[in-house]
Amino acid sequence: MIDIIKTVETTTGATAVTGLSKMDMHWRQPEIKRTKTVCTYCGVGCSFEMWTRDRHILKVQPVVDAPANGISTCIKGKFAWDFVNSESA
């Protein structure tokens, strides 16, 4: 589908679809903050990098060279962060 859109854009000279997304990414990237943190759910001390924007968590990923968890995470570390952004939390 992306190839079709790029072909249409090249043929018509318009860059409305992919051009807008690239410009949007350029303007929004500085708003994203990446912070290294440690999970406090249990005593293992897994290290994560948290991506936030305007006090909303966008992404949580394990730190590759973390001594406790490496590139893995438990089920709580993988999915529990999403409840923070929930309206019911």
N, C-alpha and C. Protein backbone atom coordinates (compact mmCIF):
# COMPACT_ATOMS: atom_id res chain seq x y z
N MET A 1 0.82 -1.20 0.00
CA MET A 1 0.00 0.00 0.00
C MET A 1 0.86 1.26 0.00
N ILE A 2 1.92 1.27 0.81
CA ILE A 2 2.83 2.42 0.84
C ILE A 2 3.47 2.64 -0.52
N ASP A 3 3.85 1.54 -1.19
CA ASP A 3 4.45 1.66 -2.52
C ASP A 3 3.47 2.30 -3.50
N ILE A 4 2.21 1.93 -3.40
CA ILE A 4 1.19 2.51 -4.28
C ILE A 4 1.06 4.01 -4.02
N ILE A 5 1.03 4.39 -2.75
CA ILE A 5 0.91 5.81 -2.39
C ILE A 5 2.11 6.59 -2.90
N LYS A 6 3.31 6.04 -2.73
CA LYS A 6 4.51 6.73 -3.21
C LYS A 6 4.50 6.87 -4.72
N THR A 7 3.99 5.85 -5.43
CA THR A 7 3.89 5.92 -6.88
C THR A 7 2.92 7.02 -7.29
N VAL A 8 1.78 7.09 -6.62
CA VAL A 8 0.79 8.13 -6.92
C VAL A 8 1.38 9.51 -6.62
N GLU A 9 2.09 9.63 -5.51
CA GLU A 9 2.69 10.92 -5.16
C GLU A 9 3.71 11.35 -6.20
N THR A 10 4.53 10.41 -6.67
CA THR A 10 5.54 10.72 -7.67
C THR A 10 4.88 11.12 -8.98
N THR A 11 3.84 10.41 -9.35
CA THR A 11 3.13 10.68 -10.61
C THR A 11 2.41 12.02 -10.57
N THR A 12 1.76 12.33 -9.46
CA THR A 12 0.97 13.56 -9.37
C THR A 12 1.76 14.75 -8.86
N GLY A 13 2.91 14.49 -8.24
CA GLY A 13 3.70 15.57 -7.69
C GLY A 13 3.25 16.00 -6.30
N ALA A 14 2.32 15.28 -5.73
CA ALA A 14 1.82 15.61 -4.39
C ALA A 14 2.53 14.75 -3.35
N THR A 15 2.75 15.31 -2.17
CA THR A 15 3.36 14.54 -1.07
C THR A 15 2.52 14.68 0.18
N ALA A 16 1.23 14.72 0.01
CA ALA A 16 0.34 14.96 1.15
C ALA A 16 0.36 13.84 2.17
N VAL A 17 0.44 12.59 1.73
CA VAL A 17 0.32 11.48 2.68
C VAL A 17 1.62 11.23 3.41
N THR A 18 2.69 10.87 2.71
CA THR A 18 3.94 10.57 3.41
C THR A 18 4.69 11.83 3.81
N GLY A 19 4.54 12.91 3.07
CA GLY A 19 5.20 14.16 3.42
C GLY A 19 4.71 14.71 4.74
N LEU A 20 3.42 14.61 4.98
CA LEU A 20 2.84 15.08 6.23
C LEU A 20 3.35 14.27 7.41
N SER A 21 3.43 12.95 7.24
CA SER A 21 3.88 12.11 8.35
C SER A 21 5.35 12.39 8.69
N LYS A 22 6.18 12.65 7.70
CA LYS A 22 7.58 12.98 7.97
C LYS A 22 7.69 14.32 8.68
N MET A 23 6.90 15.29 8.25
CA MET A 23 6.91 16.59 8.89
C MET A 23 6.38 16.49 10.32
N ASP A 24 5.33 15.72 10.50
CA ASP A 24 4.75 15.51 11.83
C ASP A 24 5.78 14.89 12.76
N MET A 25 6.52 13.89 12.27
CA MET A 25 7.55 13.24 13.07
C MET A 25 8.64 14.25 13.46
N HIS A 26 9.02 15.10 12.53
CA HIS A 26 10.05 16.11 12.79
C HIS A 26 9.63 17.06 13.90
N TRP A 27 8.37 17.47 13.91
CA TRP A 27 7.90 18.42 14.91
C TRP A 27 7.62 17.79 16.25
N ARG A 28 7.21 16.52 16.28
CA ARG A 28 6.84 15.88 17.54
C ARG A 28 8.01 15.21 18.26
N GLN A 29 9.06 14.87 17.57
CA GLN A 29 10.18 14.14 18.17
C GLN A 29 10.76 14.84 19.39
N PRO A 30 10.98 16.16 19.38
CA PRO A 30 11.53 16.81 20.58
C PRO A 30 10.63 16.71 21.81
N GLU A 31 9.34 16.47 21.61
CA GLU A 31 8.41 16.37 22.72
C GLU A 31 8.52 15.05 23.47
N ILE A 32 9.16 14.05 22.85
CA ILE A 32 9.26 12.73 23.46
C ILE A 32 10.49 12.69 24.36
N LYS A 33 10.28 12.30 25.61
CA LYS A 33 11.36 12.22 26.60
C LYS A 33 11.65 10.75 26.88
N ARG A 34 12.92 10.38 26.85
CA ARG A 34 13.34 9.00 27.15
C ARG A 34 14.08 9.01 28.49
N THR A 35 13.59 8.19 29.43
CA THR A 35 14.14 8.16 30.78
C THR A 35 14.43 6.73 31.19
N LYS A 36 15.62 6.49 31.73
CA LYS A 36 15.94 5.16 32.27
C LYS A 36 15.39 5.09 33.69
N THR A 37 14.75 3.97 34.01
CA THR A 37 14.13 3.80 35.32
C THR A 37 14.22 2.35 35.76
N VAL A 38 13.91 2.09 37.01
CA VAL A 38 13.92 0.74 37.57
C VAL A 38 12.50 0.41 38.03
N CYS A 39 12.03 -0.77 37.67
CA CYS A 39 10.71 -1.22 38.09
C CYS A 39 10.73 -1.50 39.59
N THR A 40 9.73 -1.03 40.29
CA THR A 40 9.65 -1.24 41.74
C THR A 40 8.56 -2.23 42.13
N TYR A 41 8.02 -2.95 41.14
CA TYR A 41 6.93 -3.88 41.44
C TYR A 41 7.40 -5.00 42.36
N CYS A 42 8.56 -5.57 42.08
CA CYS A 42 9.11 -6.61 42.95
C CYS A 42 10.55 -6.24 43.29
N GLY A 43 11.27 -7.12 43.91
CA GLY A 43 12.63 -6.82 44.35
C GLY A 43 13.73 -7.14 43.35
N VAL A 44 13.39 -7.58 42.15
CA VAL A 44 14.42 -7.95 41.17
C VAL A 44 15.19 -6.73 40.69
N GLY A 45 14.51 -5.64 40.42
CA GLY A 45 15.17 -4.41 39.98
C GLY A 45 15.42 -4.34 38.49
N CYS A 46 14.44 -4.73 37.70
CA CYS A 46 14.57 -4.68 36.24
C CYS A 46 14.70 -3.23 35.76
N SER A 47 15.59 -3.02 34.80
CA SER A 47 15.82 -1.69 34.25
C SER A 47 15.05 -1.52 32.94
N PHE A 48 14.44 -0.35 32.79
CA PHE A 48 13.65 -0.04 31.61
C PHE A 48 13.95 1.35 31.11
N GLU A 49 13.68 1.58 29.85
CA GLU A 49 13.70 2.92 29.27
C GLU A 49 12.25 3.29 28.99
N MET A 50 11.81 4.39 29.55
CA MET A 50 10.42 4.82 29.42
C MET A 50 10.35 6.02 28.48
N TRP A 51 9.48 5.94 27.49
CA TRP A 51 9.25 7.02 26.54
C TRP A 51 7.97 7.74 26.95
N THR A 52 8.04 9.03 27.20
CA THR A 52 6.87 9.79 27.62
C THR A 52 6.72 11.06 26.80
N ARG A 53 5.49 11.54 26.76
CA ARG A 53 5.20 12.84 26.15
C ARG A 53 4.01 13.42 26.91
N ASP A 54 4.18 14.63 27.42
CA ASP A 54 3.11 15.31 28.16
C ASP A 54 2.56 14.44 29.28
N ARG A 55 3.42 13.84 30.05
CA ARG A 55 3.07 13.00 31.20
C ARG A 55 2.26 11.76 30.84
N HIS A 56 2.34 11.32 29.58
CA HIS A 56 1.71 10.08 29.14
C HIS A 56 2.81 9.11 28.72
N ILE A 57 2.70 7.88 29.17
CA ILE A 57 3.68 6.86 28.80
C ILE A 57 3.35 6.36 27.41
N LEU A 58 4.33 6.44 26.51
CA LEU A 58 4.15 5.97 25.14
C LEU A 58 4.70 4.57 24.94
N LYS A 59 5.81 4.27 25.63
CA LYS A 59 6.50 3.00 25.40
C LYS A 59 7.40 2.71 26.58
N VAL A 60 7.51 1.44 26.92
CA VAL A 60 8.45 0.99 27.94
C VAL A 60 9.19 -0.20 27.35
N GLN A 61 10.51 -0.13 27.36
CA GLN A 61 11.30 -1.24 26.83
C GLN A 61 12.46 -1.54 27.76
N PRO A 62 12.85 -2.83 27.85
CA PRO A 62 13.97 -3.20 28.71
C PRO A 62 15.28 -2.60 28.20
N VAL A 63 16.16 -2.25 29.12
CA VAL A 63 17.50 -1.79 28.77
C VAL A 63 18.33 -3.02 28.41
N VAL A 64 18.96 -3.00 27.25
CA VAL A 64 19.65 -4.18 26.72
C VAL A 64 20.73 -4.70 27.66
N ASP A 65 21.53 -3.82 28.24
CA ASP A 65 22.65 -4.27 29.08
C ASP A 65 22.31 -4.25 30.57
N ALA A 66 21.03 -4.33 30.92
CA ALA A 66 20.62 -4.33 32.32
C ALA A 66 21.07 -5.61 33.01
N PRO A 67 21.67 -5.52 34.20
CA PRO A 67 22.18 -6.72 34.87
C PRO A 67 21.08 -7.66 35.36
N ALA A 68 19.92 -7.13 35.74
CA ALA A 68 18.87 -7.98 36.31
C ALA A 68 18.01 -8.66 35.24
N ASN A 69 17.62 -7.92 34.23
CA ASN A 69 16.67 -8.47 33.26
C ASN A 69 17.17 -8.56 31.83
N GLY A 70 18.25 -7.88 31.49
CA GLY A 70 18.72 -7.92 30.11
C GLY A 70 17.65 -7.41 29.16
N ILE A 71 17.36 -8.18 28.10
CA ILE A 71 16.35 -7.74 27.15
C ILE A 71 14.97 -8.32 27.45
N SER A 72 14.83 -9.02 28.56
CA SER A 72 13.54 -9.65 28.87
C SER A 72 12.79 -8.88 29.96
N THR A 73 11.55 -9.26 30.15
CA THR A 73 10.71 -8.65 31.17
C THR A 73 9.63 -9.64 31.59
N CYS A 74 9.13 -9.46 32.79
CA CYS A 74 8.01 -10.30 33.23
C CYS A 74 6.71 -9.78 32.61
N ILE A 75 5.63 -10.46 32.82
CA ILE A 75 4.35 -10.08 32.24
C ILE A 75 3.87 -8.73 32.77
N LYS A 76 4.17 -8.44 34.02
CA LYS A 76 3.76 -7.15 34.60
C LYS A 76 4.56 -6.01 33.99
N GLY A 77 5.84 -6.21 33.82
CA GLY A 77 6.68 -5.19 33.21
C GLY A 77 6.35 -4.96 31.75
N LYS A 78 5.88 -5.98 31.09
CA LYS A 78 5.55 -5.89 29.67
C LYS A 78 4.24 -5.13 29.43
N PHE A 79 3.23 -5.36 30.28
CA PHE A 79 1.91 -4.81 29.99
C PHE A 79 1.32 -3.90 31.06
N ALA A 80 1.79 -3.95 32.28
CA ALA A 80 1.13 -3.21 33.38
C ALA A 80 1.28 -1.70 33.27
N TRP A 81 2.28 -1.21 32.55
CA TRP A 81 2.47 0.23 32.44
C TRP A 81 1.30 0.92 31.75
N ASP A 82 0.57 0.20 30.93
CA ASP A 82 -0.52 0.79 30.15
C ASP A 82 -1.67 1.29 31.03
N PHE A 83 -1.84 0.70 32.22
CA PHE A 83 -2.93 1.14 33.08
C PHE A 83 -2.72 2.56 33.60
N VAL A 84 -1.49 3.04 33.61
CA VAL A 84 -1.21 4.40 34.08
C VAL A 84 -1.92 5.43 33.21
N ASN A 85 -2.00 5.20 31.90
CA ASN A 85 -2.68 6.11 30.99
C ASN A 85 -4.18 5.90 30.95
N SER A 86 -4.67 4.87 31.62
CA SER A 86 -6.09 4.54 31.57
C SER A 86 -6.93 5.58 32.30
N GLU A 87 -8.12 5.81 31.80
CA GLU A 87 -9.04 6.76 32.44
C GLU A 87 -9.52 6.24 33.79
N SER A 88 -9.54 4.92 33.98
CA SER A 88 -10.04 4.34 35.23
C SER A 88 -8.97 4.25 36.32
N ALA A 89 -7.73 4.58 36.00
CA ALA A 89 -6.64 4.49 36.98
C ALA A 89 -6.65 5.68 37.91
